[in-house]
Structures are given as C-alpha cells and as structure tokens.
Amino acid sequence: MQNKNFEVYLDLGSSKIRAAAFSNDKKNDNFFYESKYFNDYLKIESEIEKTISKLEDKTDEYLNEVNLMLDSPEILTIGISLSKNLDGSTLKKQNVKFLIQDAKQQILSNYQNYDIIHIIIKNYKIDHIDYTFFPTSINANLLSVDVIFICLPKKTTRYYKSLFSKFDVSINQIFCSSYTKSMNYKNKLFTIENIVFIDIGFNKTSLTLYNRNKISFFHIIPVGGNHITKDISKILKINLADSEKIKINFDNNDNFLTTKGLSLDLVQKIIFSRIEEILELCLKSIKLNENIKVTDKFKFLLMGEGSKILDNQFKEKIIFSHKIDLLEETTQSICESGLNLSKGLNIQEVVMIAKKQTKEGFFEKLFHFFK
C-alpha cells in the first residue's frame, strides 16, 4: 500500500530525529515531530520506531516509504571536469547528458564503496567562456562541464536501509542534510549573493559556499561538537556526560561549575579554542580549494545543533576574522529543505528518480533543468 496523502521526510541528526509529513492534498495539514536520543546510537532503533508510530498516528496512514536526510564525517565530495569537442556544431542538451553520464560512470568505477547521493553542475564552459546556466541554440567548438558529486559510503546506506526495513519502511531518497539545508536557506536569502554556511555537527563540520548565488564548494571537515566535549573531559579530567553538560550550559550554570570546582575562564578557553580552530579550518579550506584570496565579501552563517554553543553571552571573546551570524532552524525548515530539493528547486542539481524498473536507463531519469 502506497502513501497517497503525505510525503515523509526524516532528518536523522546526532541529537534529534526531526520528522515531517507533508500533505499532497491542501485539505490536509502538515505534521511535524521531534524525537531526542542524545547521541546514543544504541537508542536509534527505538526512536525511529517511535517516530514512525507518531507519524502514522498523526496522518492516519500506514508509513511504507521515507526520504532520509543525514550527515556523516565519511561523506565524500568529488569534483570532476569533462570536455567534449563539438567542432562548431549546435550545442544540445544531449551533449551535457552524455558528459554527466560519463562523469557518473567514472565515479562509480573508481569509488566502488560509495553511493552517489547528489550530482551538482557547478559550471558550464563553452569555448572557454563560463556559464552558470545552460545556453541553448548556439554553435560551439568545445563544451566543458564542472560537476560536484556528494557520495555516501555504501555501508552507511545499507545500514539505514536495513534499519528501516525492520519496520517495513523503505528509503526513497537519501539527502546530505547540511548541503540540502544550505540550498533551501540560500533561496530565502536570494538578495545575498555570497554566503558561507557552516554546519557544526557531532563529529563533523560541513561547509557550503555560494558564490554569486551558485553553489561552488561543499566540504566535510571531520571535527565537530563532540571534539569540544572530549577536550573538556581530557583537560578537566571529568567524564564525558559532565563535559557535555558544561559545554551546553557553561554560560548560565555557574552553580554546576562551582560544585565541580571548575574555573569558568578555563572552560571558556577550552571551548573557544576548539571553535576558533574549526572556523579557521573552514576558512583555510575555502581559500585552498576555491582559490579565493579575499573572503570579506562573503556572509558567514552558522547552523546545526553544534553551532548553538556560539550563542552565548561570552561569544565576543571568540577570535575570528569574519563576523558570524547564527541561523535559527526549526523542524519545519529543516524537513522542508529535503522537500524543496526533491521538487527540483535547485537549478544546479541533477535530480535523479530512484530506480523502479530494472530496464530503466540513465537518460530516462529526470533532469529537471532539461525539461
């Protein structure tokens, strides 16, 4: 039995499961739900079961398919450029399709332990002239396409497919959460051309850069909020549970610090030193990979649960060369990001329809910007 009235999106974070059931019928309401499991992956199965039960109860529908949003420090980003000699012929959409197919096959052949979850066209170059859109009805000698592939280890996709299958639920699509969210928020901030989104997660920090309103860079740095917790634990010689409490509440819980005989100044130095390191790693990555020498024109936005640690009364002590703003997120805004991406609202994304028939070929999948 297929879900007919609702599309379900689950953002599987390190501290929360955020879920949404979006109505396909305007007469029905959308439903949202949050389930916390506090970084305890042993409890994921029970929390997923609880989330499924809540959604089925709210929608009055049997849930058999979900769209999953997640992040991982093991996400791999691969950039590839391919060219085709056209010998002055008219540029056709089919030319680009073949180049993307070629690039896709190269990735699948050379990274056999990964699944491709996003294909992003970064740039078109026609006779050495850059285009952020696909020009039509022109003659060209040389076509080049720059493509970004975001890939997830097969072991991760197999794990989650197996996990959801225990509840008779299949996974329709998997999205990289931080990239997907950045696209949605960038569309709402369309008047700002240059933005850097920094998503500090549990064991990773995701970095997404938009230059002149187009995504040009996505990168995962394997350092996140959990590293701050471990720093506190190691330096202060306390357990991880207490370290996490200190990290979250250090600016408004003096009693806890006093009872533990801990110095607020020392705690601040530990936390802010690691935050400054993460921010500097982000800046270094941008300059190294994008060859951007001056980043003053970019607006820096922080998002994600781990980023909330910067929203405190002592944040002015953090030393960083750029002003940073904190982006408020909700379950609705996060899950809507997945919905909007699946609807083809990102003109750079190659939207692939999941295989339903074994005979379906690559060019029978959907390319929304070629319709």
Protein backbone atom coordinates (compact mmCIF):
# COMPACT_ATOMS: atom_id res chain seq x y z
CA MET A 1 0.00 0.00 0.00
CA GLN A 2 1.48 3.35 -1.09
CA ASN A 3 1.38 6.61 0.85
CA LYS A 4 -1.11 8.72 -1.09
CA ASN A 5 -1.74 11.78 1.02
CA PHE A 6 1.64 12.55 2.60
CA GLU A 7 5.34 12.69 1.76
CA VAL A 8 7.54 11.93 4.76
CA TYR A 9 10.98 13.41 5.42
CA LEU A 10 13.23 12.43 8.34
CA ASP A 11 16.33 14.36 9.35
CA LEU A 12 18.45 11.91 11.33
CA GLY A 13 20.75 14.11 13.41
CA SER A 14 23.14 13.18 16.18
CA SER A 15 20.90 14.57 18.92
CA LYS A 16 17.44 14.60 17.35
CA ILE A 17 15.23 12.94 14.80
CA ARG A 18 13.20 15.59 13.04
CA ALA A 19 10.29 14.33 11.01
CA ALA A 20 7.66 15.88 8.76
CA ALA A 21 4.68 14.55 6.87
CA PHE A 22 3.86 16.97 4.05
CA SER A 23 0.36 16.80 2.68
CA ASN A 24 -0.17 16.24 -1.04
CA ASP A 25 -3.70 17.49 -0.57
CA LYS A 26 -4.18 21.09 0.54
CA LYS A 27 -7.15 19.95 2.59
CA ASN A 28 -4.80 18.08 4.91
CA ASP A 29 -2.38 19.63 7.38
CA ASN A 30 1.36 19.06 7.55
CA PHE A 31 2.65 17.29 10.65
CA PHE A 32 5.98 17.71 12.44
CA TYR A 33 7.63 15.70 15.17
CA GLU A 34 10.92 15.73 17.11
CA SER A 35 12.44 12.80 18.95
CA LYS A 36 15.59 13.14 21.05
CA TYR A 37 18.07 10.36 21.63
CA PHE A 38 21.08 12.35 22.91
CA ASN A 39 23.87 10.97 20.73
CA ASP A 40 23.14 7.43 21.89
CA TYR A 41 23.13 5.36 18.72
CA LEU A 42 22.02 2.31 20.68
CA LYS A 43 18.64 4.01 21.01
CA ILE A 44 18.23 4.94 17.35
CA GLU A 45 16.14 1.89 16.54
CA SER A 46 13.61 2.51 19.29
CA GLU A 47 13.45 6.23 18.47
CA ILE A 48 12.86 5.53 14.79
CA GLU A 49 10.09 3.12 15.72
CA LYS A 50 8.55 5.77 17.97
CA THR A 51 8.81 8.38 15.20
CA ILE A 52 7.15 6.10 12.65
CA SER A 53 4.36 5.36 15.11
CA LYS A 54 3.78 9.07 15.78
CA LEU A 55 3.63 9.91 12.07
CA GLU A 56 1.24 7.07 11.34
CA ASP A 57 -0.96 8.20 14.19
CA LYS A 58 -0.99 11.84 13.02
CA THR A 59 -1.52 11.12 9.33
CA ASP A 60 -3.81 8.13 9.81
CA GLU A 61 -1.78 6.39 7.11
CA TYR A 62 0.46 3.35 7.06
CA LEU A 63 4.03 4.56 6.52
CA ASN A 64 5.91 2.47 3.99
CA GLU A 65 8.36 4.98 2.48
CA VAL A 66 10.51 7.85 3.78
CA ASN A 67 13.03 10.35 2.45
CA LEU A 68 16.07 10.42 4.72
CA MET A 69 18.30 13.39 5.49
CA LEU A 70 21.60 12.74 7.26
CA ASP A 71 25.20 13.89 7.63
CA SER A 72 28.34 11.89 8.23
CA PRO A 73 32.06 12.65 8.60
CA GLU A 74 32.52 9.90 5.99
CA ILE A 75 30.69 11.81 3.26
CA LEU A 76 32.99 12.20 0.27
CA THR A 77 32.90 15.14 -2.14
CA ILE A 78 34.45 14.67 -5.58
CA GLY A 79 34.86 17.34 -8.23
CA ILE A 80 35.34 16.34 -11.85
CA SER A 81 35.60 18.25 -15.15
CA LEU A 82 34.90 16.70 -18.55
CA SER A 83 35.05 18.15 -22.07
CA LYS A 84 33.60 17.29 -25.47
CA ASN A 85 34.74 18.58 -28.85
CA LEU A 86 31.71 19.77 -30.83
CA ASP A 87 33.54 21.00 -33.96
CA GLY A 88 31.30 24.04 -34.33
CA SER A 89 28.02 22.15 -34.17
CA THR A 90 24.91 23.41 -32.37
CA LEU A 91 25.01 22.87 -28.64
CA LYS A 92 22.40 20.36 -27.50
CA LYS A 93 21.16 19.25 -24.12
CA GLN A 94 22.10 15.70 -25.05
CA ASN A 95 25.77 16.77 -25.10
CA VAL A 96 25.59 17.65 -21.42
CA LYS A 97 23.71 14.46 -20.59
CA PHE A 98 26.48 12.34 -22.07
CA LEU A 99 29.16 14.23 -20.14
CA ILE A 100 27.28 13.81 -16.86
CA GLN A 101 26.77 10.13 -17.57
CA ASP A 102 30.48 9.75 -18.32
CA ALA A 103 31.42 11.54 -15.10
CA LYS A 104 28.96 9.41 -13.12
CA GLN A 105 30.42 6.18 -14.50
CA GLN A 106 33.94 7.33 -13.65
CA ILE A 107 32.91 7.96 -10.05
CA LEU A 108 31.13 4.61 -9.75
CA SER A 109 34.14 2.78 -11.22
CA ASN A 110 36.77 4.48 -9.07
CA TYR A 111 34.81 4.73 -5.81
CA GLN A 112 33.03 1.40 -5.72
CA ASN A 113 32.38 1.56 -1.96
CA TYR A 114 30.32 4.74 -2.29
CA ASP A 115 26.82 5.65 -3.43
CA ILE A 116 26.19 8.94 -5.23
CA ILE A 117 23.50 10.93 -3.41
CA HIS A 118 23.89 14.31 -5.15
CA ILE A 119 25.09 15.43 -8.58
CA ILE A 120 25.59 19.19 -8.85
CA ILE A 121 26.56 21.07 -12.00
CA LYS A 122 28.93 23.74 -10.81
CA ASN A 123 29.72 25.38 -14.12
CA TYR A 124 29.43 25.15 -17.90
CA LYS A 125 32.37 26.32 -20.01
CA ILE A 126 31.70 26.84 -23.71
CA ASP A 127 34.65 27.84 -25.87
CA HIS A 128 36.45 28.90 -22.68
CA ILE A 129 33.59 31.15 -21.51
CA ASP A 130 31.95 30.31 -18.17
CA TYR A 131 28.17 29.96 -17.85
CA THR A 132 26.20 29.24 -14.68
CA PHE A 133 23.20 28.26 -16.83
CA PHE A 134 22.91 26.06 -19.89
CA PRO A 135 22.85 28.21 -23.05
CA THR A 136 20.83 26.90 -25.95
CA SER A 137 20.87 27.29 -29.73
CA ILE A 138 24.49 28.37 -30.07
CA ASN A 139 27.33 26.83 -32.05
CA ALA A 140 30.41 25.75 -30.15
CA ASN A 141 33.74 24.03 -30.61
CA LEU A 142 34.38 22.92 -27.04
CA LEU A 143 31.98 22.12 -24.19
CA SER A 144 33.24 21.55 -20.64
CA VAL A 145 31.18 20.77 -17.55
CA ASP A 146 32.34 21.01 -13.92
CA VAL A 147 30.41 18.58 -11.70
CA ILE A 148 30.36 18.03 -7.93
CA PHE A 149 29.44 14.58 -6.63
CA ILE A 150 28.44 14.09 -2.99
CA CYS A 151 28.83 10.44 -2.02
CA LEU A 152 27.96 8.33 0.99
CA PRO A 153 29.65 5.02 1.92
CA LYS A 154 27.62 2.01 0.81
CA LYS A 155 27.94 0.56 4.30
CA THR A 156 26.06 3.60 5.63
CA THR A 157 23.23 3.36 3.10
CA ARG A 158 22.97 -0.40 3.68
CA TYR A 159 22.82 0.17 7.43
CA TYR A 160 19.92 2.59 7.26
CA LYS A 161 18.03 0.61 4.64
CA SER A 162 18.32 -2.45 6.86
CA LEU A 163 17.31 -0.46 9.93
CA PHE A 164 14.14 0.94 8.36
CA SER A 165 13.26 -2.38 6.75
CA LYS A 166 12.73 -3.77 10.25
CA PHE A 167 9.62 -1.59 10.34
CA ASP A 168 8.60 -2.41 6.75
CA VAL A 169 9.67 1.06 5.61
CA SER A 170 11.78 1.64 2.50
CA ILE A 171 14.02 4.64 1.86
CA ASN A 172 13.06 6.54 -1.28
CA GLN A 173 15.91 9.08 -1.35
CA ILE A 174 18.88 9.94 0.84
CA PHE A 175 19.97 13.58 1.09
CA CYS A 176 23.06 15.16 2.61
CA SER A 177 21.36 17.23 5.28
CA SER A 178 23.80 20.15 5.56
CA TYR A 179 24.01 20.69 1.79
CA THR A 180 20.24 20.33 1.40
CA LYS A 181 19.53 22.83 4.18
CA SER A 182 22.00 25.36 2.81
CA MET A 183 20.29 25.29 -0.59
CA ASN A 184 16.90 25.96 0.98
CA TYR A 185 18.16 28.80 3.18
CA LYS A 186 20.12 30.34 0.30
CA ASN A 187 16.94 30.51 -1.79
CA LYS A 188 15.33 32.51 1.01
CA LEU A 189 18.35 34.82 1.19
CA PHE A 190 18.42 35.44 -2.56
CA THR A 191 19.48 39.08 -2.17
CA ILE A 192 22.81 37.95 -0.66
CA GLU A 193 24.98 36.58 -3.46
CA ASN A 194 27.93 35.25 -1.46
CA ILE A 195 27.30 33.08 1.59
CA VAL A 196 29.28 30.50 3.53
CA PHE A 197 27.13 28.06 5.52
CA ILE A 198 28.94 26.31 8.37
CA ASP A 199 27.08 23.41 9.97
CA ILE A 200 28.79 22.19 13.15
CA GLY A 201 27.59 18.68 13.88
CA PHE A 202 28.55 15.90 16.26
CA ASN A 203 31.74 14.56 14.66
CA LYS A 204 31.96 16.80 11.59
CA THR A 205 31.59 20.33 10.29
CA SER A 206 30.03 20.85 6.88
CA LEU A 207 30.99 23.80 4.72
CA THR A 208 28.89 25.01 1.78
CA LEU A 209 29.91 28.05 -0.25
CA TYR A 210 27.69 30.03 -2.61
CA ASN A 211 29.48 32.42 -4.93
CA ARG A 212 27.32 34.79 -7.00
CA ASN A 213 24.21 32.87 -5.97
CA LYS A 214 25.54 29.50 -7.18
CA ILE A 215 26.98 26.68 -5.12
CA SER A 216 30.67 26.30 -5.91
CA PHE A 217 32.04 24.30 -2.99
CA PHE A 218 30.99 21.66 -0.47
CA HIS A 219 33.35 20.08 2.03
CA ILE A 220 33.28 17.99 5.21
CA ILE A 221 35.78 18.67 7.99
CA PRO A 222 35.99 15.72 10.45
CA VAL A 223 35.88 17.91 13.56
CA GLY A 224 32.67 18.80 15.40
CA GLY A 225 30.95 19.48 18.69
CA ASN A 226 31.92 16.11 20.15
CA HIS A 227 35.58 17.11 19.93
CA ILE A 228 34.83 20.05 22.23
CA THR A 229 33.24 17.66 24.72
CA LYS A 230 36.31 15.41 24.58
CA ASP A 231 38.63 18.41 25.06
CA ILE A 232 36.76 19.40 28.21
CA SER A 233 36.83 15.82 29.50
CA LYS A 234 40.54 15.38 28.86
CA ILE A 235 41.75 18.71 30.23
CA LEU A 236 39.46 18.86 33.27
CA LYS A 237 39.68 15.09 33.88
CA ILE A 238 35.93 14.58 34.13
CA ASN A 239 33.58 12.14 32.42
CA LEU A 240 32.01 12.81 29.02
CA ALA A 241 28.49 13.21 30.41
CA ASP A 242 29.56 16.06 32.71
CA SER A 243 31.69 17.53 29.92
CA GLU A 244 28.66 17.69 27.64
CA LYS A 245 26.63 19.46 30.34
CA ILE A 246 29.42 22.00 30.81
CA LYS A 247 29.69 22.61 27.06
CA ILE A 248 25.97 23.27 26.70
CA ASN A 249 25.43 25.27 29.89
CA PHE A 250 28.78 26.89 30.71
CA ASP A 251 27.44 30.44 30.27
CA ASN A 252 24.39 30.09 32.51
CA ASN A 253 25.17 27.35 35.01
CA ASP A 254 27.74 28.74 37.46
CA ASN A 255 26.45 26.51 40.23
CA PHE A 256 27.38 23.37 38.32
CA LEU A 257 30.90 24.67 37.69
CA THR A 258 31.26 25.75 41.33
CA THR A 259 30.19 22.38 42.70
CA LYS A 260 32.76 20.73 40.44
CA GLY A 261 35.44 23.22 41.47
CA LEU A 262 35.94 24.37 37.89
CA SER A 263 37.03 27.73 36.52
CA LEU A 264 34.69 29.48 34.08
CA ASP A 265 37.65 31.17 32.39
CA LEU A 266 39.35 27.83 31.80
CA VAL A 267 36.17 26.27 30.42
CA GLN A 268 35.75 29.22 28.04
CA LYS A 269 39.31 28.88 26.79
CA ILE A 270 38.86 25.16 26.10
CA ILE A 271 35.59 25.65 24.22
CA PHE A 272 36.57 28.77 22.28
CA SER A 273 39.98 27.39 21.27
CA ARG A 274 38.35 24.43 19.53
CA ILE A 275 35.66 26.64 17.94
CA GLU A 276 38.33 29.00 16.62
CA GLU A 277 40.19 26.01 15.19
CA ILE A 278 37.04 24.80 13.38
CA LEU A 279 36.38 28.24 11.92
CA GLU A 280 39.98 28.63 10.78
CA LEU A 281 39.89 25.19 9.15
CA CYS A 282 36.78 26.30 7.25
CA LEU A 283 38.47 29.48 6.07
CA LYS A 284 41.63 27.62 5.06
CA SER A 285 39.58 25.06 3.12
CA ILE A 286 37.78 27.80 1.17
CA LYS A 287 41.00 29.57 0.21
CA LEU A 288 42.76 26.32 -0.67
CA ASN A 289 40.01 24.76 -2.78
CA GLU A 290 38.36 27.80 -4.32
CA ASN A 291 41.46 29.96 -4.70
CA ILE A 292 39.58 32.82 -3.05
CA LYS A 293 42.12 35.17 -1.53
CA VAL A 294 39.66 37.72 -0.14
CA THR A 295 36.62 36.39 1.72
CA ASP A 296 35.37 39.73 3.05
CA LYS A 297 32.55 39.76 0.50
CA PHE A 298 31.08 36.56 1.98
CA LYS A 299 28.48 36.39 4.71
CA PHE A 300 29.22 33.61 7.23
CA LEU A 301 26.21 31.78 8.66
CA LEU A 302 26.31 29.07 11.31
CA MET A 303 23.67 26.37 11.55
CA GLY A 304 23.19 23.00 13.21
CA GLU A 305 22.84 21.93 16.83
CA GLY A 306 26.59 22.23 17.44
CA SER A 307 26.54 25.85 16.34
CA LYS A 308 24.29 26.86 19.22
CA ILE A 309 27.31 26.85 21.50
CA LEU A 310 28.31 30.14 19.92
CA ASP A 311 25.05 31.74 21.01
CA ASN A 312 26.21 32.80 24.47
CA GLN A 313 27.00 35.92 26.44
CA PHE A 314 30.77 35.47 26.01
CA LYS A 315 30.83 34.94 22.23
CA GLU A 316 32.60 38.26 21.60
CA LYS A 317 35.73 36.64 23.03
CA ILE A 318 35.89 34.24 20.08
CA ILE A 319 38.67 35.37 17.76
CA PHE A 320 37.84 35.07 14.08
CA SER A 321 38.48 37.36 11.13
CA HIS A 322 34.82 37.48 10.00
CA LYS A 323 31.53 38.43 11.54
CA ILE A 324 29.40 35.33 12.09
CA ASP A 325 25.61 35.13 12.30
CA LEU A 326 23.67 32.24 13.79
CA LEU A 327 20.84 30.83 11.69
CA GLU A 328 17.79 29.73 13.64
CA GLU A 329 16.39 26.41 12.45
CA THR A 330 13.16 24.57 13.08
CA THR A 331 11.94 21.07 12.36
CA GLN A 332 9.74 22.55 9.64
CA SER A 333 12.53 24.50 7.91
CA ILE A 334 14.89 21.52 8.03
CA CYS A 335 12.44 19.00 6.60
CA GLU A 336 11.16 21.49 4.02
CA SER A 337 14.72 21.63 2.70
CA GLY A 338 14.50 18.00 1.63
CA LEU A 339 11.05 18.50 0.15
CA ASN A 340 12.14 21.52 -1.88
CA LEU A 341 15.25 19.82 -3.21
CA SER A 342 13.28 16.78 -4.31
CA LYS A 343 10.91 19.09 -6.20
CA GLY A 344 13.79 20.39 -8.31
CA LEU A 345 14.06 23.91 -6.87
CA ASN A 346 17.86 23.90 -7.11
CA ILE A 347 18.67 24.60 -10.75
CA GLN A 348 22.20 23.20 -10.35
CA GLU A 349 21.07 19.83 -9.00
CA VAL A 350 20.67 16.86 -11.31
CA VAL A 351 17.55 15.26 -9.83
CA MET A 352 17.55 11.51 -10.29
CA ILE A 353 14.44 9.41 -9.90
CA ALA A 354 15.05 6.27 -7.88
CA LYS A 355 15.12 3.09 -9.94
CA LYS A 356 11.69 1.47 -10.05
CA GLN A 357 12.28 -0.85 -13.01
CA THR A 358 15.40 -2.79 -13.87
CA LYS A 359 15.14 -1.76 -17.54
CA GLU A 360 15.16 1.94 -16.76
CA GLY A 361 18.19 3.67 -18.23
CA PHE A 362 20.11 6.71 -17.13
CA PHE A 363 18.58 9.08 -19.68
CA GLU A 364 15.08 8.03 -18.67
CA LYS A 365 15.66 9.55 -15.26
CA LEU A 366 14.59 13.11 -14.57
CA PHE A 367 16.81 16.06 -15.32
CA HIS A 368 14.64 18.95 -14.18
CA PHE A 369 16.69 21.62 -15.93
CA PHE A 370 16.30 19.87 -19.29
CA LYS A 371 12.52 19.74 -19.26
